[in-house]
Amino acid sequence: MIRLPLLLLGYLFGCFHTSYFYGKLHGIDIREHGSGNAGTTNALRVMGTKAGIIVFLGDLGKMALALFITGLMAKSWGEEYYLLTRLYTAFGVIIGHLFPFFMNFRGGKGIASTGGLMLLLDWRTALFGFISFFGLTILTGYVSLGSIVMVCGEWILFLILILTGTLPAGIMPVWEAILLLSIIVALALIRHRENIQRLQAGTENKLELFKKKSAKKGE
């Protein structure tokens, strides 16, 4: 009975698109510039480093705030609701970020929000995600590669933690927890399918930090 309310609450938080609103404040629709993606990397490339940082923190922060609110609710239910509360809330946030109703369901790719889930899920998934994402992005210049390795690695680590009982599932069946996080990771990979193709072809764009902002289509 509590799954649907958690999903709906998470969805409402997910619909708050930092890149979209930040772009509107500066007179542009982020989806009409650069790669057309309403996310951190495109905001950074189109509007500059400051915009990229703000969008990243905003998308990560909305996940953190949603989990904080539902976490307060879960305290009255008991610790056994910990994992169920976080995964269903997070799933709602991701769906809202990918498919916001007021943007004609054209959202972002959900990496920053997924990172927010892993940050608050377990310290080990948070540590792995931080090292893999920023490490690979800095070393290779490919944000997409860091994102893909991060979500896949965190998924594998989650499987290890929950199957060994290191991360208690509580009242949530283990198979349900695995299925839910698998869907979240699958959505991230599907949204990155074009990036994966460009990485394989060697044509993926590298990230250039501190680049002057530009709002030219296709840049």
N, C-alpha and C. Protein backbone atom coordinates (compact mmCIF):
# COMPACT_ATOMS: atom_id res chain seq x y z
N MET A 1 0.82 -1.21 0.00
CA MET A 1 0.00 0.00 0.00
C MET A 1 0.86 1.27 0.00
N ILE A 2 2.07 1.19 0.52
CA ILE A 2 2.89 2.40 0.61
C ILE A 2 3.74 2.61 -0.64
N ARG A 3 3.81 1.63 -1.50
CA ARG A 3 4.67 1.74 -2.68
C ARG A 3 4.21 2.85 -3.62
N LEU A 4 2.93 2.91 -3.92
CA LEU A 4 2.41 3.90 -4.85
C LEU A 4 2.59 5.33 -4.34
N PRO A 5 2.26 5.63 -3.08
CA PRO A 5 2.52 6.99 -2.58
C PRO A 5 3.99 7.38 -2.65
N LEU A 6 4.89 6.43 -2.38
CA LEU A 6 6.32 6.71 -2.47
C LEU A 6 6.72 7.03 -3.91
N LEU A 7 6.19 6.26 -4.85
CA LEU A 7 6.46 6.50 -6.27
C LEU A 7 5.96 7.87 -6.70
N LEU A 8 4.75 8.22 -6.30
CA LEU A 8 4.15 9.49 -6.71
C LEU A 8 4.91 10.68 -6.11
N LEU A 9 5.27 10.56 -4.84
CA LEU A 9 6.03 11.64 -4.20
C LEU A 9 7.38 11.80 -4.87
N GLY A 10 8.04 10.67 -5.14
CA GLY A 10 9.32 10.72 -5.83
C GLY A 10 9.19 11.33 -7.21
N TYR A 11 8.14 10.98 -7.93
CA TYR A 11 7.92 11.52 -9.28
C TYR A 11 7.81 13.04 -9.25
N LEU A 12 7.08 13.58 -8.29
CA LEU A 12 6.92 15.03 -8.20
C LEU A 12 8.26 15.72 -7.98
N PHE A 13 9.10 15.14 -7.15
CA PHE A 13 10.44 15.70 -6.93
C PHE A 13 11.27 15.58 -8.21
N GLY A 14 11.15 14.44 -8.88
CA GLY A 14 11.93 14.22 -10.10
C GLY A 14 11.58 15.18 -11.21
N CYS A 15 10.35 15.66 -11.22
CA CYS A 15 9.91 16.59 -12.26
C CYS A 15 10.54 17.96 -12.14
N PHE A 16 11.15 18.24 -11.00
CA PHE A 16 11.85 19.53 -10.86
C PHE A 16 13.17 19.44 -11.63
N HIS A 17 13.20 20.00 -12.83
CA HIS A 17 14.36 19.89 -13.71
C HIS A 17 15.25 21.12 -13.56
N THR A 18 16.35 20.97 -12.90
CA THR A 18 17.24 22.10 -12.64
C THR A 18 17.73 22.74 -13.93
N SER A 19 18.14 21.91 -14.90
CA SER A 19 18.69 22.45 -16.15
C SER A 19 17.63 23.23 -16.92
N TYR A 20 16.40 22.74 -16.90
CA TYR A 20 15.32 23.41 -17.62
C TYR A 20 15.03 24.77 -17.01
N PHE A 21 14.85 24.80 -15.69
CA PHE A 21 14.51 26.06 -15.03
C PHE A 21 15.68 27.05 -15.05
N TYR A 22 16.89 26.53 -14.89
CA TYR A 22 18.07 27.41 -14.94
C TYR A 22 18.21 28.01 -16.34
N GLY A 23 17.97 27.17 -17.36
CA GLY A 23 18.02 27.68 -18.73
C GLY A 23 16.97 28.74 -18.99
N LYS A 24 15.76 28.52 -18.49
CA LYS A 24 14.68 29.48 -18.67
C LYS A 24 15.02 30.82 -18.02
N LEU A 25 15.71 30.76 -16.87
CA LEU A 25 16.12 31.99 -16.21
C LEU A 25 17.11 32.79 -17.06
N HIS A 26 17.80 32.08 -17.96
CA HIS A 26 18.76 32.73 -18.84
C HIS A 26 18.25 32.83 -20.28
N GLY A 27 16.93 32.65 -20.42
CA GLY A 27 16.31 32.90 -21.71
C GLY A 27 16.44 31.81 -22.76
N ILE A 28 16.78 30.59 -22.36
CA ILE A 28 16.88 29.51 -23.35
C ILE A 28 16.18 28.25 -22.84
N ASP A 29 15.83 27.39 -23.80
CA ASP A 29 15.34 26.06 -23.48
C ASP A 29 16.51 25.12 -23.73
N ILE A 30 17.05 24.54 -22.68
CA ILE A 30 18.25 23.73 -22.78
C ILE A 30 18.08 22.58 -23.78
N ARG A 31 16.84 22.16 -23.99
CA ARG A 31 16.58 21.04 -24.91
C ARG A 31 16.71 21.44 -26.37
N GLU A 32 16.84 22.75 -26.63
CA GLU A 32 16.99 23.23 -28.00
C GLU A 32 18.43 23.59 -28.32
N HIS A 33 19.35 23.25 -27.44
CA HIS A 33 20.75 23.62 -27.65
C HIS A 33 21.66 22.43 -27.35
N GLY A 34 22.83 22.49 -27.91
CA GLY A 34 23.81 21.43 -27.67
C GLY A 34 23.29 20.07 -28.08
N SER A 35 23.41 19.11 -27.18
CA SER A 35 22.96 17.75 -27.46
C SER A 35 21.45 17.61 -27.37
N GLY A 36 20.78 18.62 -26.78
CA GLY A 36 19.34 18.55 -26.60
C GLY A 36 18.93 17.84 -25.32
N ASN A 37 19.89 17.37 -24.55
CA ASN A 37 19.59 16.67 -23.31
C ASN A 37 19.46 17.66 -22.15
N ALA A 38 18.42 17.48 -21.36
CA ALA A 38 18.20 18.36 -20.21
C ALA A 38 18.95 17.81 -19.00
N GLY A 39 20.28 17.91 -19.04
CA GLY A 39 21.09 17.36 -17.97
C GLY A 39 22.33 18.17 -17.68
N THR A 40 23.15 17.67 -16.76
CA THR A 40 24.32 18.38 -16.29
C THR A 40 25.34 18.66 -17.39
N THR A 41 25.71 17.64 -18.15
CA THR A 41 26.76 17.80 -19.15
C THR A 41 26.38 18.81 -20.23
N ASN A 42 25.15 18.73 -20.70
CA ASN A 42 24.72 19.68 -21.73
C ASN A 42 24.63 21.09 -21.17
N ALA A 43 24.19 21.22 -19.92
CA ALA A 43 24.14 22.54 -19.29
C ALA A 43 25.54 23.12 -19.17
N LEU A 44 26.51 22.28 -18.83
CA LEU A 44 27.89 22.73 -18.71
C LEU A 44 28.43 23.20 -20.05
N ARG A 45 28.15 22.43 -21.10
CA ARG A 45 28.67 22.78 -22.41
C ARG A 45 27.99 24.01 -23.00
N VAL A 46 26.70 24.14 -22.75
CA VAL A 46 25.94 25.24 -23.34
C VAL A 46 26.05 26.52 -22.53
N MET A 47 25.94 26.40 -21.20
CA MET A 47 25.86 27.60 -20.35
C MET A 47 27.07 27.83 -19.46
N GLY A 48 28.03 26.91 -19.48
CA GLY A 48 29.26 27.13 -18.71
C GLY A 48 29.37 26.29 -17.45
N THR A 49 30.56 26.38 -16.83
CA THR A 49 30.88 25.55 -15.67
C THR A 49 29.96 25.81 -14.48
N LYS A 50 29.67 27.07 -14.22
CA LYS A 50 28.79 27.41 -13.10
C LYS A 50 27.43 26.74 -13.26
N ALA A 51 26.89 26.80 -14.47
CA ALA A 51 25.59 26.18 -14.73
C ALA A 51 25.66 24.68 -14.53
N GLY A 52 26.75 24.06 -15.00
CA GLY A 52 26.91 22.62 -14.85
C GLY A 52 26.92 22.20 -13.39
N ILE A 53 27.62 22.96 -12.56
CA ILE A 53 27.70 22.64 -11.13
C ILE A 53 26.34 22.79 -10.47
N ILE A 54 25.64 23.88 -10.80
CA ILE A 54 24.32 24.13 -10.21
C ILE A 54 23.33 23.03 -10.61
N VAL A 55 23.35 22.65 -11.88
CA VAL A 55 22.43 21.60 -12.35
C VAL A 55 22.76 20.26 -11.69
N PHE A 56 24.04 19.95 -11.60
CA PHE A 56 24.45 18.69 -10.96
C PHE A 56 23.98 18.63 -9.51
N LEU A 57 24.23 19.70 -8.77
CA LEU A 57 23.83 19.74 -7.36
C LEU A 57 22.31 19.74 -7.22
N GLY A 58 21.63 20.41 -8.13
CA GLY A 58 20.17 20.45 -8.07
C GLY A 58 19.55 19.08 -8.31
N ASP A 59 20.06 18.36 -9.32
CA ASP A 59 19.51 17.04 -9.64
C ASP A 59 19.87 16.01 -8.58
N LEU A 60 21.07 16.14 -8.02
CA LEU A 60 21.44 15.25 -6.92
C LEU A 60 20.65 15.60 -5.66
N GLY A 61 20.47 16.91 -5.46
CA GLY A 61 19.79 17.39 -4.27
C GLY A 61 18.32 17.02 -4.21
N LYS A 62 17.65 17.00 -5.37
CA LYS A 62 16.22 16.65 -5.34
C LYS A 62 16.02 15.19 -4.93
N MET A 63 16.97 14.33 -5.32
CA MET A 63 16.92 12.94 -4.87
C MET A 63 17.14 12.87 -3.37
N ALA A 64 18.15 13.61 -2.90
CA ALA A 64 18.47 13.60 -1.47
C ALA A 64 17.30 14.11 -0.64
N LEU A 65 16.65 15.18 -1.10
CA LEU A 65 15.53 15.76 -0.35
C LEU A 65 14.34 14.80 -0.32
N ALA A 66 14.06 14.17 -1.47
CA ALA A 66 12.95 13.22 -1.52
C ALA A 66 13.20 12.05 -0.57
N LEU A 67 14.43 11.53 -0.56
CA LEU A 67 14.77 10.41 0.31
C LEU A 67 14.75 10.83 1.79
N PHE A 68 15.13 12.08 2.05
CA PHE A 68 15.12 12.58 3.42
C PHE A 68 13.69 12.64 3.96
N ILE A 69 12.78 13.17 3.13
CA ILE A 69 11.39 13.30 3.56
C ILE A 69 10.74 11.94 3.79
N THR A 70 10.89 11.03 2.83
CA THR A 70 10.29 9.71 3.00
C THR A 70 11.02 8.91 4.08
N GLY A 71 12.30 9.24 4.30
CA GLY A 71 13.04 8.59 5.38
C GLY A 71 12.48 8.96 6.74
N LEU A 72 12.06 10.21 6.88
CA LEU A 72 11.42 10.63 8.13
C LEU A 72 10.12 9.87 8.36
N MET A 73 9.38 9.65 7.27
CA MET A 73 8.14 8.88 7.36
C MET A 73 8.44 7.44 7.78
N ALA A 74 9.52 6.88 7.21
CA ALA A 74 9.84 5.48 7.47
C ALA A 74 10.29 5.23 8.90
N LYS A 75 10.77 6.27 9.58
CA LYS A 75 11.21 6.10 10.96
C LYS A 75 10.08 5.62 11.85
N SER A 76 8.88 6.09 11.56
CA SER A 76 7.73 5.67 12.37
C SER A 76 7.26 4.26 12.01
N TRP A 77 7.66 3.79 10.83
CA TRP A 77 7.28 2.45 10.40
C TRP A 77 8.23 1.39 10.93
N GLY A 78 9.53 1.78 11.05
CA GLY A 78 10.53 0.82 11.51
C GLY A 78 11.68 0.69 10.52
N GLU A 79 12.83 0.25 11.01
CA GLU A 79 14.03 0.12 10.19
C GLU A 79 13.86 -0.87 9.05
N GLU A 80 12.95 -1.81 9.20
CA GLU A 80 12.76 -2.82 8.15
C GLU A 80 12.19 -2.21 6.86
N TYR A 81 11.72 -0.95 6.93
CA TYR A 81 11.20 -0.27 5.74
C TYR A 81 12.27 0.56 5.04
N TYR A 82 13.49 0.55 5.55
CA TYR A 82 14.57 1.42 5.06
C TYR A 82 14.78 1.26 3.55
N LEU A 83 15.05 0.04 3.11
CA LEU A 83 15.39 -0.19 1.71
C LEU A 83 14.18 0.03 0.79
N LEU A 84 13.03 -0.45 1.19
CA LEU A 84 11.83 -0.28 0.38
C LEU A 84 11.53 1.20 0.16
N THR A 85 11.62 1.97 1.24
CA THR A 85 11.34 3.40 1.15
C THR A 85 12.29 4.09 0.19
N ARG A 86 13.57 3.80 0.29
CA ARG A 86 14.55 4.47 -0.55
C ARG A 86 14.43 4.06 -2.02
N LEU A 87 14.26 2.79 -2.28
CA LEU A 87 14.23 2.34 -3.67
C LEU A 87 12.97 2.82 -4.41
N TYR A 88 11.83 2.78 -3.75
CA TYR A 88 10.61 3.21 -4.43
C TYR A 88 10.55 4.73 -4.59
N THR A 89 11.03 5.44 -3.59
CA THR A 89 11.11 6.90 -3.73
C THR A 89 12.06 7.27 -4.85
N ALA A 90 13.23 6.62 -4.86
CA ALA A 90 14.24 6.90 -5.88
C ALA A 90 13.73 6.55 -7.27
N PHE A 91 13.01 5.44 -7.39
CA PHE A 91 12.46 5.06 -8.69
C PHE A 91 11.50 6.12 -9.20
N GLY A 92 10.69 6.66 -8.31
CA GLY A 92 9.79 7.74 -8.69
C GLY A 92 10.54 8.98 -9.14
N VAL A 93 11.61 9.33 -8.43
CA VAL A 93 12.42 10.50 -8.80
C VAL A 93 13.02 10.31 -10.20
N ILE A 94 13.56 9.12 -10.45
CA ILE A 94 14.17 8.84 -11.75
C ILE A 94 13.14 8.95 -12.87
N ILE A 95 11.96 8.36 -12.66
CA ILE A 95 10.91 8.43 -13.68
C ILE A 95 10.50 9.88 -13.92
N GLY A 96 10.38 10.65 -12.84
CA GLY A 96 10.03 12.06 -12.99
C GLY A 96 11.10 12.83 -13.73
N HIS A 97 12.36 12.49 -13.50
CA HIS A 97 13.46 13.18 -14.18
C HIS A 97 13.51 12.82 -15.66
N LEU A 98 13.27 11.56 -15.96
CA LEU A 98 13.31 11.11 -17.36
C LEU A 98 12.09 11.56 -18.14
N PHE A 99 10.93 11.54 -17.47
CA PHE A 99 9.66 11.81 -18.17
C PHE A 99 8.81 12.83 -17.41
N PRO A 100 9.27 14.09 -17.29
CA PRO A 100 8.48 15.12 -16.60
C PRO A 100 7.25 15.51 -17.42
N PHE A 101 6.11 15.52 -16.78
CA PHE A 101 4.85 15.74 -17.50
C PHE A 101 4.78 17.12 -18.13
N PHE A 102 5.36 18.15 -17.49
CA PHE A 102 5.23 19.50 -18.01
C PHE A 102 6.25 19.82 -19.11
N MET A 103 7.15 18.88 -19.39
CA MET A 103 8.13 19.06 -20.46
C MET A 103 7.86 18.09 -21.61
N ASN A 104 6.59 17.70 -21.74
CA ASN A 104 6.19 16.74 -22.77
C ASN A 104 6.97 15.44 -22.65
N PHE A 105 7.31 15.09 -21.40
CA PHE A 105 7.98 13.84 -21.07
C PHE A 105 9.37 13.74 -21.71
N ARG A 106 9.99 14.89 -21.97
CA ARG A 106 11.36 14.94 -22.50
C ARG A 106 12.30 15.42 -21.40
N GLY A 107 12.83 14.51 -20.64
CA GLY A 107 13.71 14.86 -19.54
C GLY A 107 15.16 14.57 -19.83
N GLY A 108 15.92 14.33 -18.74
CA GLY A 108 17.34 14.06 -18.88
C GLY A 108 17.65 12.57 -18.84
N LYS A 109 18.88 12.25 -18.43
CA LYS A 109 19.31 10.86 -18.40
C LYS A 109 19.37 10.29 -16.98
N GLY A 110 19.27 11.16 -15.98
CA GLY A 110 19.11 10.70 -14.61
C GLY A 110 20.36 10.26 -13.88
N ILE A 111 21.54 10.59 -14.40
CA ILE A 111 22.77 10.11 -13.76
C ILE A 111 23.01 10.79 -12.41
N ALA A 112 22.85 12.11 -12.35
CA ALA A 112 23.07 12.82 -11.08
C ALA A 112 22.07 12.35 -10.03
N SER A 113 20.82 12.14 -10.44
CA SER A 113 19.81 11.67 -9.49
C SER A 113 20.10 10.24 -9.04
N THR A 114 20.54 9.39 -9.97
CA THR A 114 20.92 8.03 -9.60
C THR A 114 22.10 8.06 -8.63
N GLY A 115 23.03 8.97 -8.88
CA GLY A 115 24.15 9.14 -7.97
C GLY A 115 23.69 9.54 -6.58
N GLY A 116 22.63 10.37 -6.51
CA GLY A 116 22.07 10.75 -5.22
C GLY A 116 21.50 9.57 -4.47
N LEU A 117 20.88 8.64 -5.20
CA LEU A 117 20.36 7.42 -4.57
C LEU A 117 21.51 6.60 -3.98
N MET A 118 22.55 6.36 -4.77
CA MET A 118 23.67 5.54 -4.32
C MET A 118 24.42 6.19 -3.17
N LEU A 119 24.44 7.52 -3.18
CA LEU A 119 25.11 8.26 -2.11
C LEU A 119 24.45 8.03 -0.77
N LEU A 120 23.11 7.93 -0.78
CA LEU A 120 22.34 7.78 0.46
C LEU A 120 21.89 6.35 0.73
N LEU A 121 22.19 5.45 -0.20
CA LEU A 121 21.79 4.06 -0.02
C LEU A 121 22.75 3.33 0.91
N ASP A 122 24.04 3.45 0.62
CA ASP A 122 25.07 2.76 1.40
C ASP A 122 26.41 3.45 1.14
N TRP A 123 27.24 3.55 2.15
CA TRP A 123 28.50 4.28 2.00
C TRP A 123 29.42 3.60 0.97
N ARG A 124 29.30 2.30 0.79
CA ARG A 124 30.16 1.60 -0.17
C ARG A 124 29.76 1.91 -1.60
N THR A 125 28.45 1.95 -1.87
CA THR A 125 28.01 2.33 -3.22
C THR A 125 28.35 3.79 -3.49
N ALA A 126 28.27 4.63 -2.45
CA ALA A 126 28.61 6.04 -2.60
C ALA A 126 30.09 6.21 -2.93
N LEU A 127 30.95 5.50 -2.22
CA LEU A 127 32.40 5.60 -2.44
C LEU A 127 32.77 5.11 -3.83
N PHE A 128 32.23 3.96 -4.22
CA PHE A 128 32.52 3.44 -5.56
C PHE A 128 32.05 4.39 -6.64
N GLY A 129 30.84 4.92 -6.48
CA GLY A 129 30.29 5.82 -7.47
C GLY A 129 31.12 7.08 -7.62
N PHE A 130 31.56 7.64 -6.51
CA PHE A 130 32.36 8.86 -6.54
C PHE A 130 33.68 8.62 -7.26
N ILE A 131 34.37 7.54 -6.89
CA ILE A 131 35.68 7.26 -7.48
C ILE A 131 35.57 6.91 -8.97
N SER A 132 34.61 6.06 -9.31
CA SER A 132 34.49 5.62 -10.70
C SER A 132 34.05 6.75 -11.63
N PHE A 133 33.07 7.54 -11.18
CA PHE A 133 32.57 8.60 -12.05
C PHE A 133 33.60 9.69 -12.26
N PHE A 134 34.05 10.29 -11.16
CA PHE A 134 34.98 11.41 -11.30
C PHE A 134 36.34 10.94 -11.79
N GLY A 135 36.76 9.75 -11.37
CA GLY A 135 38.05 9.23 -11.81
C GLY A 135 38.09 9.03 -13.31
N LEU A 136 37.11 8.31 -13.85
CA LEU A 136 37.08 8.03 -15.29
C LEU A 136 36.82 9.29 -16.11
N THR A 137 35.95 10.17 -15.60
CA THR A 137 35.65 11.39 -16.34
C THR A 137 36.89 12.27 -16.46
N ILE A 138 37.64 12.39 -15.37
CA ILE A 138 38.85 13.21 -15.38
C ILE A 138 39.94 12.57 -16.23
N LEU A 139 40.11 11.25 -16.12
CA LEU A 139 41.17 10.55 -16.85
C LEU A 139 40.92 10.49 -18.35
N THR A 140 39.65 10.25 -18.73
CA THR A 140 39.34 10.06 -20.15
C THR A 140 38.69 11.26 -20.81
N GLY A 141 38.03 12.10 -20.02
CA GLY A 141 37.29 13.22 -20.58
C GLY A 141 35.89 12.85 -21.04
N TYR A 142 35.52 11.58 -20.88
CA TYR A 142 34.20 11.12 -21.31
C TYR A 142 33.26 11.01 -20.10
N VAL A 143 32.32 11.94 -20.02
CA VAL A 143 31.34 11.90 -18.94
C VAL A 143 30.47 10.66 -19.06
N SER A 144 30.12 10.32 -20.29
CA SER A 144 29.25 9.16 -20.52
C SER A 144 29.91 7.87 -20.05
N LEU A 145 31.21 7.72 -20.27
CA LEU A 145 31.91 6.53 -19.84
C LEU A 145 31.91 6.43 -18.32
N GLY A 146 32.19 7.56 -17.65
CA GLY A 146 32.15 7.58 -16.20
C GLY A 146 30.76 7.24 -15.67
N SER A 147 29.73 7.76 -16.35
CA SER A 147 28.34 7.51 -15.93
C SER A 147 27.97 6.04 -16.08
N ILE A 148 28.33 5.45 -17.21
CA ILE A 148 27.97 4.06 -17.49
C ILE A 148 28.68 3.11 -16.53
N VAL A 149 29.97 3.33 -16.33
CA VAL A 149 30.73 2.47 -15.41
C VAL A 149 30.22 2.63 -13.98
N MET A 150 29.87 3.86 -13.62
CA MET A 150 29.37 4.12 -12.27
C MET A 150 28.10 3.33 -11.99
N VAL A 151 27.09 3.46 -12.85
CA VAL A 151 25.81 2.80 -12.57
C VAL A 151 25.92 1.28 -12.65
N CYS A 152 26.70 0.79 -13.60
CA CYS A 152 26.87 -0.67 -13.72
C CYS A 152 27.65 -1.23 -12.52
N GLY A 153 28.70 -0.54 -12.13
CA GLY A 153 29.49 -0.99 -10.98
C GLY A 153 28.71 -0.94 -9.69
N GLU A 154 27.92 0.12 -9.52
CA GLU A 154 27.10 0.23 -8.31
C GLU A 154 26.02 -0.85 -8.28
N TRP A 155 25.51 -1.20 -9.44
CA TRP A 155 24.51 -2.28 -9.51
C TRP A 155 25.12 -3.61 -9.07
N ILE A 156 26.33 -3.90 -9.56
CA ILE A 156 27.01 -5.14 -9.19
C ILE A 156 27.31 -5.15 -7.69
N LEU A 157 27.79 -4.01 -7.18
CA LEU A 157 28.09 -3.91 -5.75
C LEU A 157 26.83 -4.09 -4.92
N PHE A 158 25.72 -3.50 -5.37
CA PHE A 158 24.45 -3.66 -4.68
C PHE A 158 24.04 -5.13 -4.62
N LEU A 159 24.20 -5.84 -5.72
CA LEU A 159 23.88 -7.27 -5.76
C LEU A 159 24.68 -8.03 -4.70
N ILE A 160 25.95 -7.72 -4.63
CA ILE A 160 26.82 -8.40 -3.65
C ILE A 160 26.36 -8.10 -2.23
N LEU A 161 26.08 -6.84 -1.96
CA LEU A 161 25.70 -6.42 -0.60
C LEU A 161 24.37 -7.04 -0.17
N ILE A 162 23.40 -7.05 -1.07
CA ILE A 162 22.07 -7.53 -0.66
C ILE A 162 22.02 -9.06 -0.65
N LEU A 163 22.72 -9.71 -1.56
CA LEU A 163 22.69 -11.18 -1.59
C LEU A 163 23.47 -11.79 -0.44
N THR A 164 24.45 -11.05 0.08
CA THR A 164 25.22 -11.54 1.23
C THR A 164 24.61 -11.10 2.55
N GLY A 165 23.54 -10.30 2.49
CA GLY A 165 22.90 -9.82 3.71
C GLY A 165 23.61 -8.66 4.37
N THR A 166 24.64 -8.13 3.70
CA THR A 166 25.37 -6.98 4.24
C THR A 166 24.49 -5.74 4.25
N LEU A 167 23.62 -5.64 3.25
CA LEU A 167 22.63 -4.58 3.19
C LEU A 167 21.26 -5.22 3.39
N PRO A 168 20.70 -5.12 4.59
CA PRO A 168 19.44 -5.81 4.89
C PRO A 168 18.28 -5.34 4.00
N ALA A 169 17.49 -6.29 3.51
CA ALA A 169 16.36 -5.95 2.67
C ALA A 169 15.13 -5.58 3.49
N GLY A 170 15.11 -5.95 4.77
CA GLY A 170 13.96 -5.64 5.61
C GLY A 170 12.72 -6.40 5.15
N ILE A 171 11.59 -5.68 5.06
CA ILE A 171 10.35 -6.33 4.63
C ILE A 171 10.29 -6.53 3.12
N MET A 172 11.25 -5.94 2.43
CA MET A 172 11.23 -6.00 0.97
C MET A 172 11.87 -7.30 0.49
N PRO A 173 11.19 -8.07 -0.33
CA PRO A 173 11.79 -9.29 -0.88
C PRO A 173 13.06 -8.95 -1.65
N VAL A 174 14.08 -9.77 -1.52
CA VAL A 174 15.35 -9.51 -2.18
C VAL A 174 15.18 -9.39 -3.69
N TRP A 175 14.36 -10.25 -4.26
CA TRP A 175 14.17 -10.23 -5.72
C TRP A 175 13.54 -8.90 -6.17
N GLU A 176 12.66 -8.35 -5.32
CA GLU A 176 12.00 -7.08 -5.66
C GLU A 176 13.00 -5.93 -5.64
N ALA A 177 13.88 -5.94 -4.64
CA ALA A 177 14.90 -4.89 -4.54
C ALA A 177 15.84 -4.96 -5.74
N ILE A 178 16.26 -6.16 -6.10
CA ILE A 178 17.16 -6.34 -7.23
C ILE A 178 16.48 -5.90 -8.53
N LEU A 179 15.23 -6.29 -8.69
CA LEU A 179 14.48 -5.93 -9.90
C LEU A 179 14.34 -4.42 -10.04
N LEU A 180 14.01 -3.75 -8.93
CA LEU A 180 13.78 -2.31 -8.97
C LEU A 180 15.06 -1.56 -9.34
N LEU A 181 16.19 -1.91 -8.69
CA LEU A 181 17.44 -1.24 -9.02
C LEU A 181 17.90 -1.61 -10.42
N SER A 182 17.61 -2.81 -10.85
CA SER A 182 17.98 -3.23 -12.21
C SER A 182 17.24 -2.39 -13.25
N ILE A 183 15.97 -2.08 -12.99
CA ILE A 183 15.20 -1.24 -13.90
C ILE A 183 15.79 0.17 -13.95
N ILE A 184 16.16 0.70 -12.78
CA ILE A 184 16.77 2.03 -12.71
C ILE A 184 18.05 2.08 -13.54
N VAL A 185 18.90 1.07 -13.39
CA VAL A 185 20.16 1.01 -14.13
C VAL A 185 19.89 0.81 -15.62
N ALA A 186 18.92 -0.04 -15.95
CA ALA A 186 18.58 -0.28 -17.36
C ALA A 186 18.10 1.01 -18.03
N LEU A 187 17.31 1.81 -17.31
CA LEU A 187 16.84 3.07 -17.87
C LEU A 187 18.01 4.01 -18.16
N ALA A 188 18.98 4.03 -17.25
CA ALA A 188 20.16 4.87 -17.45
C ALA A 188 20.94 4.43 -18.69
N LEU A 189 21.09 3.11 -18.87
CA LEU A 189 21.82 2.59 -20.02
C LEU A 189 21.07 2.85 -21.33
N ILE A 190 19.74 2.70 -21.29
CA ILE A 190 18.93 2.96 -22.48
C ILE A 190 19.07 4.42 -22.90
N ARG A 191 19.05 5.32 -21.91
CA ARG A 191 19.19 6.75 -22.21
C ARG A 191 20.59 7.08 -22.73
N HIS A 192 21.54 6.19 -22.48
CA HIS A 192 22.91 6.41 -22.94
C HIS A 192 23.25 5.57 -24.17
N ARG A 193 22.25 5.00 -24.83
CA ARG A 193 22.54 4.10 -25.95
C ARG A 193 23.30 4.80 -27.08
N GLU A 194 22.96 6.06 -27.36
CA GLU A 194 23.68 6.78 -28.41
C GLU A 194 25.10 7.08 -27.98
N ASN A 195 25.29 7.38 -26.68
CA ASN A 195 26.64 7.61 -26.17
C ASN A 195 27.48 6.34 -26.28
N ILE A 196 26.86 5.19 -25.98
CA ILE A 196 27.57 3.91 -26.07
C ILE A 196 28.00 3.66 -27.51
N GLN A 197 27.13 3.94 -28.46
CA GLN A 197 27.46 3.76 -29.88
C GLN A 197 28.61 4.67 -30.29
N ARG A 198 28.60 5.92 -29.81
CA ARG A 198 29.68 6.85 -30.16
C ARG A 198 30.98 6.47 -29.49
N LEU A 199 30.91 5.94 -28.27
CA LEU A 199 32.13 5.46 -27.61
C LEU A 199 32.75 4.31 -28.39
N GLN A 200 31.91 3.41 -28.86
CA GLN A 200 32.40 2.28 -29.65
C GLN A 200 33.00 2.73 -30.98
N ALA A 201 32.42 3.79 -31.55
CA ALA A 201 32.90 4.29 -32.84
C ALA A 201 34.05 5.28 -32.68
N GLY A 202 34.33 5.70 -31.43
CA GLY A 202 35.40 6.66 -31.19
C GLY A 202 35.04 8.08 -31.55
N THR A 203 33.74 8.39 -31.58
CA THR A 203 33.28 9.72 -31.97
C THR A 203 32.60 10.48 -30.83
N GLU A 204 32.66 9.93 -29.63
CA GLU A 204 32.02 10.59 -28.48
C GLU A 204 32.76 11.88 -28.14
N ASN A 205 32.01 12.93 -27.81
CA ASN A 205 32.60 14.21 -27.44
C ASN A 205 33.21 14.15 -26.05
N LYS A 206 34.37 14.76 -25.92
CA LYS A 206 35.01 14.84 -24.61
C LYS A 206 34.56 16.11 -23.91
N LEU A 207 34.61 16.06 -22.60
CA LEU A 207 34.21 17.21 -21.79
C LEU A 207 35.35 18.20 -21.71
N GLU A 208 35.02 19.46 -21.97
CA GLU A 208 36.00 20.53 -21.86
C GLU A 208 35.57 21.44 -20.72
N LEU A 209 36.27 21.34 -19.60
CA LEU A 209 35.95 22.17 -18.46
C LEU A 209 36.34 23.62 -18.70
N PHE A 210 35.57 24.51 -18.07
CA PHE A 210 35.82 25.95 -18.12
C PHE A 210 35.73 26.49 -19.55
N LYS A 211 34.92 25.81 -20.37
CA LYS A 211 34.69 26.31 -21.72
C LYS A 211 33.73 27.49 -21.67
N LYS A 212 33.92 28.46 -22.52
CA LYS A 212 33.03 29.61 -22.56
C LYS A 212 31.65 29.15 -22.97
N LYS A 213 30.66 29.71 -22.29
CA LYS A 213 29.30 29.26 -22.55
C LYS A 213 28.83 29.69 -23.93
N SER A 214 28.02 28.82 -24.52
CA SER A 214 27.48 29.08 -25.85
C SER A 214 26.11 28.47 -25.95
N ALA A 215 25.22 29.15 -26.62
CA ALA A 215 23.86 28.62 -26.75
C ALA A 215 23.55 28.29 -28.20
N LYS A 216 24.59 27.97 -28.96
CA LYS A 216 24.38 27.65 -30.35
C LYS A 216 23.92 26.21 -30.52
N LYS A 217 22.95 26.03 -31.36
CA LYS A 217 22.37 24.72 -31.61
C LYS A 217 23.45 23.79 -32.17
N GLY A 218 23.53 22.58 -31.57
CA GLY A 218 24.43 21.55 -32.08
C GLY A 218 25.85 21.66 -31.58
N GLU A 219 26.18 22.68 -30.76
CA GLU A 219 27.56 22.82 -30.30
C GLU A 219 27.84 21.92 -29.13
